[in-house]
Amino acid sequence: MKYRTFMICILIFILTACSSNNEATQEEPSAPKKESRESNNKQPIINEEIHLSVSLDSLKNMTGGTLTNDLNYEDDAAKLKTNHELPSALATKLPDALEKLSKEAKDMKAYQQGLLTLLSSPNYPAAIDKAENYEPPFEEPYLPDPTVQKEEENQEAPNKAIVLLDASSSMLLESNGEQKMTTAKKAVKSFAQTIGKSSDISLVVYGHKGSEADEDKQRSCSGIEEVYPMGSYDKAEFQEAVNAFDSKGWTPLAAAIEKADKMSQSYDSATTIYIVSDGAETCDGDPVAASEKLSANGNTVNIIGFDVDAEAENQLKEVAAAGNGEYFQADSPDDLKQTIEYEWLPSIGDLAWAHTMAPNGWEISDEYKKAEQAPKEMRSISRREAFRIDESIRIMEEKEWITEQQATELKDWNNERRNAFFELDQKLGEVNRDKVNAQAEQIRKDIQAWVEKMEKLKEESGN
């Protein structure tokens, strides 16, 4: 009997031990999960280093919220719609993050920093940089001085002017740190603005088709195009025409002159051709013969050789001589500007039109809109951010994670932040409008000073 009782006790002990081992084995897989949750909970949701102030310095260092750091600039800066809603992805993640915030925040400052930690925009630095780097694009007028002009002051400008612009691949090279095509386009724009006051003008471009490859030679050599038809000068349309092509291919100088010759035959007055080129003929034509034929009808061919080698310069000189015109050498961007300004422009004549070279009221008003674009984009960014914060306050109050008093204080803070952004946007816009006004006024002063100088010279010469 004693032996039986002893065996029963042994059996109970073994069964109890096995049961304990099984329970321990079942609990072991869940341990890492518990540790993982504890590790995640240790990650702070509040960046205590974040600045609450709305200033250029603080916003330049804004990196974007943990839930919003992937916002792209274009969408973030677009005008806010009236029926705006939170993006679905953000709306899904937001409640959990706000619940965690409500558990970690100890005071009002912590709530504010937490909301910005989660929801601030990453696009403030780009908007501020765009606003601060704005510069008005008004072109400086060319104001030729007759003391350095070769032509007589009373000589009349041509009634028709054709500008032939070389856009062959060699114009892609740089001269003094700037691409030759860029320099030539700037010079031609300014030249057209001035000569267009007294002459109809046309712009013909060559070398802008195909490429410099052998298989593209025929296409490139035949690709000569009048991009601005002969007529009165229109600033916007002319500049659009100049900006519409790039340097690409071969140099059909002879064919370009032949096109100008054909164009001139339909005009009822002599035509002056102005060629800007950096190289010699590469399309097997004879530019000298073409220039001689064009000048036989009383037309003139003037050429600026821009940063050319000796072989090209010799050919271009011959072309100008055959066209009863002049050849000018320009080895740098400054040389090109001065040559066009002092050698090619028509005589001063009547100064009454000079004031029209300054930006007018419509142009200034239009530029104001561009000057204010970046500040307005920053305001749109801030409004989206304020909307996200408002929605977060609403959710926390609705879930009773914050009190009604806390919700009121957070709403007041968000409104103050809105107002601070509005004032900052206004300030940036005003700074850029002042830039517009200052440049326009400087151009007016420069023109007035030039007019006064010219009038004095005319008086001294008895003219």
Protein backbone atom coordinates (compact mmCIF):
# COMPACT_ATOMS: atom_id res chain seq x y z
CA MET A 1 0.00 0.00 0.00
CA LYS A 2 2.82 2.32 0.87
CA TYR A 3 4.59 1.39 -2.34
CA ARG A 4 1.45 2.19 -4.42
CA THR A 5 1.02 5.57 -2.74
CA PHE A 6 4.66 6.36 -3.40
CA MET A 7 4.31 5.56 -7.16
CA ILE A 8 1.22 7.74 -7.49
CA CYS A 9 3.10 10.71 -5.99
CA ILE A 10 5.98 10.15 -8.40
CA LEU A 11 3.57 10.15 -11.38
CA ILE A 12 1.85 13.36 -10.25
CA PHE A 13 5.22 15.09 -9.91
CA ILE A 14 6.28 14.09 -13.45
CA LEU A 15 3.00 15.25 -14.99
CA THR A 16 3.18 18.58 -13.19
CA ALA A 17 6.76 19.16 -14.37
CA CYS A 18 5.84 18.40 -18.00
CA SER A 19 2.90 20.76 -17.87
CA SER A 20 5.14 23.54 -16.54
CA ASN A 21 7.69 22.91 -19.29
CA ASN A 22 5.00 23.06 -21.98
CA GLU A 23 3.68 26.37 -20.68
CA ALA A 24 7.18 27.81 -20.63
CA THR A 25 7.74 26.61 -24.20
CA GLN A 26 4.52 28.24 -25.42
CA GLU A 27 5.38 31.62 -23.89
CA GLU A 28 8.87 31.85 -25.41
CA PRO A 29 7.85 32.92 -29.02
CA SER A 30 5.85 35.87 -27.73
CA ALA A 31 8.76 37.39 -25.82
CA PRO A 32 10.46 39.05 -28.86
CA LYS A 33 7.14 40.65 -29.90
CA LYS A 34 6.72 42.18 -26.47
CA GLU A 35 10.28 43.48 -26.60
CA SER A 36 9.69 44.90 -30.12
CA ARG A 37 6.59 46.81 -28.98
CA GLU A 38 8.49 48.20 -26.03
CA SER A 39 11.32 49.25 -28.37
CA ASN A 40 8.89 51.06 -30.72
CA ASN A 41 7.24 52.83 -27.82
CA LYS A 42 10.59 54.20 -26.79
CA GLN A 43 10.91 56.13 -30.10
CA PRO A 44 9.99 59.77 -29.32
CA ILE A 45 7.24 61.38 -31.37
CA ILE A 46 8.18 64.91 -30.26
CA ASN A 47 11.27 66.64 -31.60
CA GLU A 48 12.12 69.02 -28.79
CA GLU A 49 14.67 70.79 -31.03
CA ILE A 50 12.07 71.97 -33.54
CA HIS A 51 11.57 75.75 -33.72
CA LEU A 52 8.06 77.07 -33.18
CA SER A 53 8.82 80.55 -34.50
CA VAL A 54 7.93 81.55 -38.06
CA SER A 55 11.06 83.19 -39.47
CA LEU A 56 13.26 82.81 -42.52
CA ASP A 57 16.05 81.27 -40.46
CA SER A 58 13.83 78.69 -38.75
CA LEU A 59 12.04 77.73 -41.97
CA LYS A 60 15.26 77.34 -43.93
CA ASN A 61 16.18 74.53 -41.52
CA MET A 62 12.76 72.84 -41.61
CA THR A 63 13.21 69.24 -42.79
CA GLY A 64 9.60 68.10 -42.96
CA GLY A 65 7.41 66.01 -40.66
CA THR A 66 7.72 62.28 -40.15
CA LEU A 67 4.35 61.83 -41.91
CA THR A 68 4.85 64.53 -44.56
CA ASN A 69 8.53 64.53 -45.54
CA ASP A 70 7.73 63.04 -48.97
CA LEU A 71 5.54 65.96 -50.15
CA ASN A 72 6.74 67.17 -53.56
CA TYR A 73 7.10 70.90 -54.13
CA GLU A 74 4.67 71.28 -57.04
CA ASP A 75 1.72 69.71 -55.23
CA ASP A 76 2.53 71.36 -51.92
CA ALA A 77 2.86 74.84 -53.47
CA ALA A 78 -0.26 74.63 -55.64
CA LYS A 79 -3.24 76.79 -54.78
CA LEU A 80 -5.36 75.23 -52.06
CA LYS A 81 -8.80 73.98 -53.13
CA THR A 82 -11.90 75.05 -51.21
CA ASN A 83 -12.96 71.46 -50.52
CA HIS A 84 -9.51 70.34 -49.44
CA GLU A 85 -9.13 66.96 -47.72
CA LEU A 86 -6.27 65.12 -46.10
CA PRO A 87 -4.47 62.68 -48.43
CA SER A 88 -5.80 59.18 -47.79
CA ALA A 89 -2.41 57.78 -46.79
CA LEU A 90 -1.94 60.52 -44.20
CA ALA A 91 -5.51 60.22 -42.93
CA THR A 92 -4.88 56.52 -42.28
CA LYS A 93 -1.66 56.99 -40.32
CA LEU A 94 -2.60 60.14 -38.45
CA PRO A 95 -4.90 58.88 -35.65
CA ASP A 96 -2.36 56.40 -34.24
CA ALA A 97 0.36 59.02 -34.30
CA LEU A 98 -1.88 61.57 -32.56
CA GLU A 99 -2.84 59.08 -29.88
CA LYS A 100 0.83 58.49 -29.20
CA LEU A 101 1.44 62.24 -29.13
CA SER A 102 -1.35 62.78 -26.58
CA LYS A 103 0.30 60.22 -24.29
CA GLU A 104 3.78 61.76 -24.57
CA ALA A 105 3.00 65.50 -24.50
CA LYS A 106 3.34 67.03 -21.06
CA ASP A 107 2.48 70.64 -21.85
CA MET A 108 1.23 72.90 -24.64
CA LYS A 109 4.69 73.47 -26.12
CA ALA A 110 5.16 69.72 -26.42
CA TYR A 111 1.84 69.41 -28.31
CA GLN A 112 2.92 72.18 -30.70
CA GLN A 113 6.34 70.66 -31.29
CA GLY A 114 4.76 67.25 -31.72
CA LEU A 115 2.30 68.45 -34.36
CA LEU A 116 5.13 70.07 -36.33
CA THR A 117 7.30 66.99 -35.86
CA LEU A 118 4.57 64.98 -37.53
CA LEU A 119 3.11 67.39 -40.09
CA SER A 120 5.51 70.21 -41.07
CA SER A 121 6.28 70.74 -44.75
CA PRO A 122 9.74 69.95 -46.19
CA ASN A 123 9.35 72.58 -48.93
CA TYR A 124 9.95 75.85 -47.10
CA PRO A 125 13.71 76.00 -47.89
CA ALA A 126 13.05 75.65 -51.63
CA ALA A 127 10.32 78.32 -51.64
CA ILE A 128 12.47 80.77 -49.64
CA ASP A 129 15.48 80.16 -51.88
CA LYS A 130 13.32 80.79 -54.96
CA ALA A 131 11.97 84.02 -53.47
CA GLU A 132 15.32 85.36 -52.30
CA ASN A 133 17.07 84.63 -55.60
CA TYR A 134 14.46 86.37 -57.75
CA GLU A 135 15.90 89.06 -60.03
CA PRO A 136 13.86 91.13 -62.52
CA PRO A 137 14.62 90.08 -66.11
CA PHE A 138 14.42 93.56 -67.66
CA GLU A 139 17.02 93.91 -70.40
CA GLU A 140 19.48 96.74 -70.23
CA PRO A 141 18.93 98.97 -73.28
CA TYR A 142 21.79 99.54 -75.66
CA LEU A 143 22.56 103.26 -75.68
CA PRO A 144 25.03 103.89 -78.52
CA ASP A 145 27.49 106.76 -78.24
CA PRO A 146 28.08 108.56 -81.57
CA THR A 147 31.59 109.52 -80.48
CA VAL A 148 32.64 105.95 -81.21
CA GLN A 149 30.36 105.23 -84.15
CA LYS A 150 31.86 105.10 -87.62
CA GLU A 151 28.72 106.14 -89.38
CA GLU A 152 27.70 109.78 -89.67
CA GLU A 153 25.10 110.80 -87.12
CA ASN A 154 22.61 111.93 -89.74
CA GLN A 155 22.86 108.73 -91.77
CA GLU A 156 19.45 107.08 -91.84
CA ALA A 157 19.04 103.54 -90.64
CA PRO A 158 18.04 100.92 -93.23
CA ASN A 159 14.35 100.44 -93.80
CA LYS A 160 14.77 96.66 -93.77
CA ALA A 161 17.22 94.65 -91.68
CA ILE A 162 17.83 90.91 -91.77
CA VAL A 163 19.83 89.30 -88.97
CA LEU A 164 21.45 85.98 -89.92
CA LEU A 165 22.40 84.05 -86.79
CA ASP A 166 24.78 81.10 -86.92
CA ALA A 167 23.43 78.24 -84.74
CA SER A 168 25.87 75.55 -85.88
CA SER A 169 27.35 73.09 -83.38
CA SER A 170 30.49 75.18 -82.84
CA MET A 171 28.31 77.78 -81.09
CA LEU A 172 27.91 75.26 -78.28
CA LEU A 173 31.49 75.94 -77.24
CA GLU A 174 32.24 78.42 -74.47
CA SER A 175 33.90 81.82 -74.72
CA ASN A 176 35.04 83.36 -71.45
CA GLY A 177 32.91 81.00 -69.40
CA GLU A 178 29.65 81.39 -71.34
CA GLN A 179 28.28 79.35 -74.23
CA LYS A 180 28.72 81.29 -77.46
CA MET A 181 25.10 80.71 -78.49
CA THR A 182 23.89 82.20 -75.19
CA THR A 183 26.07 85.28 -75.69
CA ALA A 184 25.00 85.72 -79.30
CA LYS A 185 21.30 85.43 -78.42
CA LYS A 186 21.63 88.10 -75.73
CA ALA A 187 23.39 90.46 -78.13
CA VAL A 188 20.89 89.89 -80.95
CA LYS A 189 17.94 90.51 -78.61
CA SER A 190 19.31 93.87 -77.53
CA PHE A 191 20.34 94.81 -81.06
CA ALA A 192 16.85 94.05 -82.39
CA GLN A 193 15.23 96.09 -79.63
CA THR A 194 17.14 99.18 -80.74
CA ILE A 195 17.21 98.77 -84.52
CA GLY A 196 13.54 97.84 -84.43
CA LYS A 197 12.69 101.41 -83.42
CA SER A 198 13.37 102.64 -86.94
CA SER A 199 13.43 99.56 -89.18
CA ASP A 200 11.44 96.50 -90.03
CA ILE A 201 13.43 93.47 -88.96
CA SER A 202 13.70 89.76 -89.68
CA LEU A 203 15.64 86.97 -87.96
CA VAL A 204 16.97 84.06 -90.00
CA VAL A 205 18.73 81.18 -88.26
CA TYR A 206 20.88 78.46 -89.78
CA GLY A 207 22.71 75.41 -88.42
CA HIS A 208 19.93 74.59 -85.93
CA LYS A 209 18.62 71.51 -87.70
CA GLY A 210 19.88 67.92 -87.51
CA SER A 211 23.31 67.46 -85.97
CA GLU A 212 27.00 67.70 -86.87
CA ALA A 213 27.02 64.02 -87.91
CA ASP A 214 27.73 63.22 -91.58
CA GLU A 215 24.37 61.51 -92.03
CA ASP A 216 22.64 64.75 -90.96
CA LYS A 217 24.62 67.03 -93.27
CA GLN A 218 21.97 67.42 -95.97
CA ARG A 219 19.22 68.11 -93.44
CA SER A 220 21.35 70.59 -91.53
CA CYS A 221 22.66 72.41 -94.61
CA SER A 222 19.15 72.90 -96.01
CA GLY A 223 17.57 73.78 -92.66
CA ILE A 224 17.58 77.57 -92.95
CA GLU A 225 14.60 79.21 -91.33
CA GLU A 226 13.12 82.68 -90.96
CA VAL A 227 12.00 82.45 -87.33
CA TYR A 228 10.86 86.08 -87.09
CA PRO A 229 9.16 87.24 -90.32
CA MET A 230 10.07 90.63 -91.72
CA GLY A 231 7.96 93.27 -90.00
CA SER A 232 7.83 95.74 -87.18
CA TYR A 233 9.62 94.79 -83.97
CA ASP A 234 7.58 93.14 -81.23
CA LYS A 235 9.68 92.48 -78.15
CA ALA A 236 7.83 89.46 -76.79
CA GLU A 237 7.48 87.74 -80.17
CA PHE A 238 11.09 88.42 -81.19
CA GLN A 239 12.50 87.10 -77.93
CA GLU A 240 10.28 84.04 -78.17
CA ALA A 241 11.67 83.42 -81.67
CA VAL A 242 15.26 83.74 -80.43
CA ASN A 243 14.64 81.33 -77.56
CA ALA A 244 12.97 78.71 -79.76
CA PHE A 245 16.09 77.06 -81.23
CA ASP A 246 19.45 75.59 -80.16
CA SER A 247 22.84 75.06 -81.78
CA LYS A 248 23.12 71.68 -83.51
CA GLY A 249 24.58 71.19 -86.96
CA TRP A 250 26.59 72.37 -89.96
CA THR A 251 27.26 75.91 -91.27
CA PRO A 252 25.38 76.76 -94.53
CA LEU A 253 26.57 80.39 -94.65
CA ALA A 254 26.24 80.71 -98.44
CA ALA A 255 22.71 79.26 -98.47
CA ALA A 256 21.70 81.62 -95.64
CA ILE A 257 22.93 84.64 -97.63
CA GLU A 258 21.11 83.34 -100.71
CA LYS A 259 17.90 83.12 -98.68
CA ALA A 260 18.40 86.72 -97.52
CA ASP A 261 18.95 87.72 -101.16
CA LYS A 262 15.71 86.06 -102.21
CA MET A 263 13.85 87.73 -99.34
CA SER A 264 15.22 91.16 -100.22
CA GLN A 265 13.99 90.92 -103.81
CA SER A 266 10.43 91.30 -102.55
CA TYR A 267 11.18 94.50 -100.62
CA ASP A 268 10.82 97.99 -102.06
CA SER A 269 13.95 99.37 -100.38
CA ALA A 270 17.57 98.44 -99.79
CA THR A 271 18.22 95.84 -97.12
CA THR A 272 21.11 95.56 -94.69
CA ILE A 273 22.19 92.07 -93.67
CA TYR A 274 23.79 91.52 -90.28
CA ILE A 275 25.56 88.18 -89.78
CA VAL A 276 26.78 86.82 -86.44
CA SER A 277 28.95 83.74 -86.98
CA ASP A 278 31.82 81.91 -85.36
CA GLY A 279 32.96 79.85 -88.33
CA ALA A 280 33.40 79.35 -92.05
CA GLU A 281 31.17 77.62 -94.60
CA THR A 282 30.94 73.83 -94.07
CA CYS A 283 28.12 72.98 -96.52
CA ASP A 284 30.16 73.28 -99.75
CA GLY A 285 28.63 76.64 -100.75
CA ASP A 286 30.35 79.83 -101.92
CA PRO A 287 29.43 82.59 -99.43
CA VAL A 288 31.62 85.17 -101.18
CA ALA A 289 29.75 84.75 -104.49
CA ALA A 290 26.42 84.78 -102.67
CA SER A 291 27.33 88.03 -100.88
CA GLU A 292 28.50 89.67 -104.10
CA LYS A 293 25.23 88.77 -105.83
CA LEU A 294 23.17 90.15 -102.92
CA SER A 295 25.05 93.47 -102.89
CA ALA A 296 24.53 93.93 -106.63
CA ASN A 297 20.98 95.03 -105.83
CA GLY A 298 22.15 97.77 -103.46
CA ASN A 299 22.08 95.67 -100.32
CA THR A 300 24.84 95.48 -97.72
CA VAL A 301 26.37 92.59 -95.79
CA ASN A 302 27.99 93.29 -92.42
CA ILE A 303 29.58 90.50 -90.39
CA ILE A 304 30.77 90.00 -86.84
CA GLY A 305 33.19 87.11 -86.50
CA PHE A 306 32.72 85.91 -82.93
CA ASP A 307 35.74 84.10 -81.48
CA VAL A 308 36.80 82.72 -84.89
CA ASP A 309 40.06 81.12 -86.02
CA ALA A 310 42.30 82.63 -88.71
CA GLU A 311 40.89 80.56 -91.59
CA ALA A 312 37.28 81.40 -90.76
CA GLU A 313 38.14 85.06 -90.22
CA ASN A 314 39.72 85.34 -93.69
CA GLN A 315 36.60 83.92 -95.33
CA LEU A 316 34.24 86.13 -93.35
CA LYS A 317 36.27 89.22 -94.25
CA GLU A 318 35.95 88.31 -97.93
CA VAL A 319 32.21 87.82 -97.56
CA ALA A 320 31.80 91.27 -95.95
CA ALA A 321 33.94 92.93 -98.62
CA ALA A 322 31.96 91.26 -101.40
CA GLY A 323 28.79 92.54 -99.76
CA ASN A 324 29.98 96.16 -99.63
CA GLY A 325 29.88 95.93 -95.86
CA GLU A 326 32.28 95.70 -92.95
CA TYR A 327 33.82 92.90 -90.96
CA PHE A 328 34.19 93.24 -87.22
CA GLN A 329 36.16 90.97 -84.94
CA ALA A 330 34.78 90.00 -81.51
CA ASP A 331 36.97 87.76 -79.39
CA SER A 332 34.87 87.83 -76.23
CA PRO A 333 31.26 88.41 -75.06
CA ASP A 334 32.15 92.02 -74.22
CA ASP A 335 33.61 92.52 -77.70
CA LEU A 336 30.44 91.17 -79.27
CA LYS A 337 28.25 93.52 -77.25
CA GLN A 338 30.43 96.56 -77.99
CA THR A 339 30.66 95.74 -81.68
CA ILE A 340 26.92 95.46 -82.08
CA GLU A 341 26.37 98.51 -79.90
CA TYR A 342 28.89 100.81 -81.51
CA GLU A 343 29.30 99.59 -85.06
CA TRP A 344 25.98 98.22 -86.25
CA LEU A 345 23.32 100.31 -84.62
CA PRO A 346 21.73 103.06 -86.67
CA SER A 347 22.53 106.69 -85.92
CA ILE A 348 20.90 108.46 -82.99
CA GLY A 349 18.42 110.46 -85.03
CA ASP A 350 15.41 111.64 -83.13
CA LEU A 351 15.69 110.92 -79.38
CA ALA A 352 12.00 111.21 -78.74
CA TRP A 353 11.51 107.43 -78.73
CA ALA A 354 14.23 106.77 -76.15
CA HIS A 355 11.86 106.58 -73.17
CA THR A 356 10.08 103.60 -74.75
CA MET A 357 13.15 101.44 -74.08
CA ALA A 358 12.38 101.60 -70.35
CA PRO A 359 9.87 99.11 -68.86
CA ASN A 360 6.36 100.53 -69.11
CA GLY A 361 3.57 100.27 -66.58
CA TRP A 362 2.12 97.09 -68.07
CA GLU A 363 5.50 95.37 -68.11
CA ILE A 364 6.17 96.36 -64.50
CA SER A 365 2.72 95.20 -63.41
CA ASP A 366 3.23 91.87 -65.16
CA GLU A 367 6.63 91.48 -63.50
CA TYR A 368 5.08 92.11 -60.07
CA LYS A 369 3.13 88.87 -60.54
CA LYS A 370 6.31 86.94 -61.24
CA ALA A 371 8.07 88.63 -58.32
CA GLU A 372 5.30 87.52 -55.96
CA GLN A 373 5.08 83.95 -57.28
CA ALA A 374 7.50 82.29 -54.87
CA PRO A 375 6.08 84.05 -51.76
CA LYS A 376 2.59 82.97 -52.83
CA GLU A 377 3.81 79.41 -53.22
CA MET A 378 5.22 79.52 -49.69
CA ARG A 379 1.85 80.76 -48.45
CA SER A 380 0.10 77.81 -50.11
CA ILE A 381 2.58 75.47 -48.44
CA SER A 382 1.88 77.04 -45.04
CA ARG A 383 -1.89 76.88 -45.56
CA ARG A 384 -1.72 73.15 -46.27
CA GLU A 385 0.34 72.67 -43.15
CA ALA A 386 -2.15 74.70 -41.07
CA PHE A 387 -5.00 72.58 -42.46
CA ARG A 388 -3.23 69.37 -41.41
CA ILE A 389 -2.75 70.77 -37.91
CA ASP A 390 -6.40 71.88 -37.67
CA GLU A 391 -7.57 68.41 -38.68
CA SER A 392 -5.25 66.87 -36.08
CA ILE A 393 -6.63 69.10 -33.32
CA ARG A 394 -10.16 68.12 -34.35
CA ILE A 395 -9.32 64.41 -34.22
CA MET A 396 -7.66 64.65 -30.80
CA GLU A 397 -10.56 66.63 -29.37
CA GLU A 398 -13.14 64.26 -30.87
CA LYS A 399 -11.30 61.25 -29.42
CA GLU A 400 -11.02 63.06 -26.09
CA TRP A 401 -7.24 62.78 -26.15
CA ILE A 402 -7.09 66.50 -25.34
CA THR A 403 -9.45 68.73 -23.38
CA GLU A 404 -11.62 71.42 -24.90
CA GLN A 405 -9.33 74.03 -23.33
CA GLN A 406 -6.24 72.42 -24.89
CA ALA A 407 -7.97 72.29 -28.26
CA THR A 408 -8.79 76.00 -28.02
CA GLU A 409 -5.19 76.87 -27.16
CA LEU A 410 -3.85 74.80 -30.04
CA LYS A 411 -6.30 76.38 -32.50
CA ASP A 412 -5.26 79.85 -31.33
CA TRP A 413 -1.61 78.93 -31.79
CA ASN A 414 -2.26 77.63 -35.30
CA ASN A 415 -4.11 80.83 -36.24
CA GLU A 416 -1.22 82.92 -34.94
CA ARG A 417 1.11 80.80 -37.05
CA ARG A 418 -1.09 81.44 -40.11
CA ASN A 419 -0.90 85.19 -39.50
CA ALA A 420 2.87 85.04 -39.09
CA PHE A 421 3.18 83.26 -42.43
CA PHE A 422 0.96 85.86 -44.09
CA GLU A 423 3.19 88.67 -42.81
CA LEU A 424 6.32 86.83 -43.92
CA ASP A 425 4.89 86.18 -47.40
CA GLN A 426 3.91 89.84 -47.70
CA LYS A 427 7.41 90.90 -46.70
CA LEU A 428 9.08 88.64 -49.28
CA GLY A 429 6.69 89.87 -51.98
CA GLU A 430 7.40 93.49 -51.08
CA VAL A 431 11.16 92.91 -51.25
CA ASN A 432 10.82 91.47 -54.76
CA ARG A 433 8.47 94.23 -55.92
CA ASP A 434 11.08 96.72 -54.70
CA LYS A 435 13.64 94.92 -56.88
CA VAL A 436 11.36 95.40 -59.89
CA ASN A 437 10.88 99.10 -59.13
CA ALA A 438 14.57 99.70 -58.48
CA GLN A 439 15.70 98.13 -61.75
CA ALA A 440 13.01 99.87 -63.80
CA GLU A 441 13.93 103.21 -62.22
CA GLN A 442 17.64 102.64 -62.87
CA ILE A 443 16.94 101.91 -66.54
CA ARG A 444 14.89 105.12 -66.78
CA LYS A 445 17.72 107.10 -65.21
CA ASP A 446 20.29 105.57 -67.56
CA ILE A 447 18.15 106.44 -70.59
CA GLN A 448 17.56 109.97 -69.36
CA ALA A 449 21.28 110.49 -68.78
CA TRP A 450 22.02 109.17 -72.27
CA VAL A 451 19.40 111.44 -73.84
CA GLU A 452 20.83 114.47 -72.06
CA LYS A 453 24.34 113.59 -73.19
CA MET A 454 23.24 113.13 -76.79
CA GLU A 455 21.35 116.40 -76.78
CA LYS A 456 24.41 118.18 -75.44
CA LEU A 457 26.63 116.65 -78.11
CA LYS A 458 24.18 117.67 -80.81
CA GLU A 459 24.11 121.22 -79.45
CA GLU A 460 27.90 121.40 -79.33
CA SER A 461 28.15 120.20 -82.90
CA GLY A 462 25.62 122.78 -84.02
CA ASN A 463 23.26 120.07 -85.19
